[in-house]
Every structure is written in structure tokens, then in C-alpha cells.
């Protein structure tokens, strides 16, 4: 009985340490600007922009792959597009380069 408890305890300790290392070294970082831009979108998740939803479109906007922010069909210039452009102007890429996105 004691031997089984020690084996299971040791195995639990070993797996716990393995999970701790995996959590530290395999952590996925997501740019906080994506969440901020997603909140500025209409959040209809309609797919009219050509992406599966607003999160995917926000990811494309922040990475500069979207081309035009006006691909979001339900969006309005004063309510959605201009605040996004201003936010990205105030929050450039980590290396200091501006995000290449147009209206």
C-alpha cells in the first residue's frame, strides 16, 4: 500500500513538473492590440469582410494583411474605422513601424 502511494505520488510530481515546464516554454503570446481592435469592430461576426469572424479580421488588421479596414461591411467610418486607424497610429508594431492599413 505504501509502495503504491509512493509510486503514484512520484508519478504525479513528475508529471506536474513536466506540465509546469511545458506551460512556461510553450506559452502562446497574442498581441493585445488584436483584442482592442476587435472591440472597436461591430462584432456581428458576419464574415462579410472575407474572414470567419471579427477576431480573425482584427488579427489581419493588426498584422497589416487586411489592406482596408472598410472591408467590414456593417462598420461605419466615424464609429468603427476612424477609431481603429487612430488606435493603430498610437500603438505601432513592437519594432516601432506603423501598421500599414488604409480606410
Protein backbone atom coordinates (compact mmCIF):
# COMPACT_ATOMS: atom_id res chain seq x y z
CA UNK A 1 0.00 0.00 0.00
CA UNK A 2 2.77 2.44 0.88
CA UNK A 3 4.69 1.46 -2.24
CA UNK A 4 1.69 2.19 -4.48
CA UNK A 5 1.18 5.57 -2.78
CA UNK A 6 4.84 6.47 -3.29
CA UNK A 7 4.76 5.42 -6.96
CA UNK A 8 1.60 7.38 -7.70
CA UNK A 9 2.86 10.39 -5.72
CA UNK A 10 6.19 10.34 -7.59
CA UNK A 11 4.42 9.99 -10.92
CA UNK A 12 2.13 12.90 -10.05
CA UNK A 13 5.10 15.03 -9.04
CA UNK A 14 6.99 14.17 -12.23
CA UNK A 15 4.01 14.96 -14.46
CA UNK A 16 3.31 18.17 -12.54
CA UNK A 17 6.88 19.39 -13.09
CA UNK A 18 6.59 18.45 -16.76
CA UNK A 19 3.38 20.46 -17.11
CA UNK A 20 4.97 23.44 -15.37
CA UNK A 21 7.88 23.45 -17.82
CA UNK A 22 5.54 23.00 -20.78
CA UNK A 23 3.39 25.91 -19.62
CA UNK A 24 6.46 28.12 -19.35
CA UNK A 25 8.19 27.23 -22.61
CA UNK A 26 5.17 26.58 -24.86
CA UNK A 27 3.18 29.68 -23.90
CA UNK A 28 1.44 31.41 -26.81
CA UNK A 29 1.52 35.20 -26.77
CA UNK A 30 -1.25 37.13 -28.52
CA UNK A 31 -0.86 40.78 -29.37
CA UNK A 32 -3.09 42.82 -27.03
CA UNK A 33 -3.89 45.16 -29.91
CA UNK A 34 -5.98 42.39 -31.52
CA UNK A 35 -8.46 42.39 -28.62
CA UNK A 36 -8.62 46.19 -28.63
CA UNK A 37 -9.30 46.35 -32.38
CA UNK A 38 -11.87 43.55 -32.10
CA UNK A 39 -13.78 45.59 -29.50
CA UNK A 40 -13.87 48.53 -31.91
CA UNK A 41 -15.43 46.43 -34.69
CA UNK A 42 -19.23 46.00 -34.86
CA UNK A 43 -18.85 42.37 -33.61
CA UNK A 44 -21.53 40.93 -35.87
CA UNK A 45 -19.21 38.04 -36.85
CA UNK A 46 -20.96 38.07 -40.21
CA UNK A 47 -17.98 37.17 -42.39
CA UNK A 48 -18.78 39.89 -44.94
CA UNK A 49 -15.14 41.01 -44.80
CA UNK A 50 -13.98 37.62 -46.06
CA UNK A 51 -12.76 36.27 -42.72
CA UNK A 52 -14.57 33.81 -40.42
CA UNK A 53 -15.35 36.49 -37.83
CA UNK A 54 -14.33 39.73 -36.17
CA UNK A 55 -11.41 38.18 -34.28
CA UNK A 56 -9.85 36.90 -37.49
CA UNK A 57 -10.40 40.28 -39.18
CA UNK A 58 -8.87 42.09 -36.20
CA UNK A 59 -5.85 39.79 -36.48
CA UNK A 60 -5.49 40.69 -40.16
CA UNK A 61 -5.86 44.41 -39.39
CA UNK A 62 -3.15 44.37 -36.71
CA UNK A 63 -0.80 42.32 -38.88
CA UNK A 64 -1.37 44.68 -41.82
CA UNK A 65 -2.72 41.94 -44.11
CA UNK A 66 -6.29 43.28 -44.26
CA UNK A 67 -5.45 46.06 -46.71
CA UNK A 68 -8.52 48.16 -45.99
CA UNK A 69 -10.43 48.43 -42.74
CA UNK A 70 -13.52 49.27 -44.79
CA UNK A 71 -13.79 45.59 -45.81
CA UNK A 72 -16.03 45.38 -42.74
CA UNK A 73 -19.39 45.96 -44.42
CA UNK A 74 -21.51 46.70 -41.30
CA UNK A 75 -18.91 49.14 -39.97
CA UNK A 76 -19.28 52.91 -40.13
CA UNK A 77 -16.39 55.34 -40.74
CA UNK A 78 -16.91 57.57 -37.70
CA UNK A 79 -17.91 54.81 -35.29
CA UNK A 80 -15.54 51.99 -36.29
CA UNK A 81 -12.95 52.73 -38.98
CA UNK A 82 -11.51 56.04 -37.77
CA UNK A 83 -11.08 54.90 -34.11
CA UNK A 84 -9.28 51.78 -35.33
CA UNK A 85 -6.96 53.79 -37.56
CA UNK A 86 -6.24 56.25 -34.73
CA UNK A 87 -5.60 53.42 -32.26
CA UNK A 88 -3.15 51.74 -34.63
CA UNK A 89 -1.42 55.07 -35.25
CA UNK A 90 -0.98 55.49 -31.48
CA UNK A 91 0.05 51.84 -30.98
CA UNK A 92 2.61 50.89 -33.67
CA UNK A 93 4.22 47.48 -34.11
CA UNK A 94 6.65 46.34 -31.40
CA UNK A 95 9.60 47.36 -33.57
CA UNK A 96 8.17 50.88 -33.93
CA UNK A 97 6.98 50.61 -37.54
CA UNK A 98 3.44 51.77 -38.26
CA UNK A 99 0.72 49.28 -39.17
CA UNK A 100 0.06 49.50 -42.91
CA UNK A 101 -3.72 49.72 -43.05
CA UNK A 102 -5.94 52.05 -45.04
CA UNK A 103 -9.52 53.23 -44.78
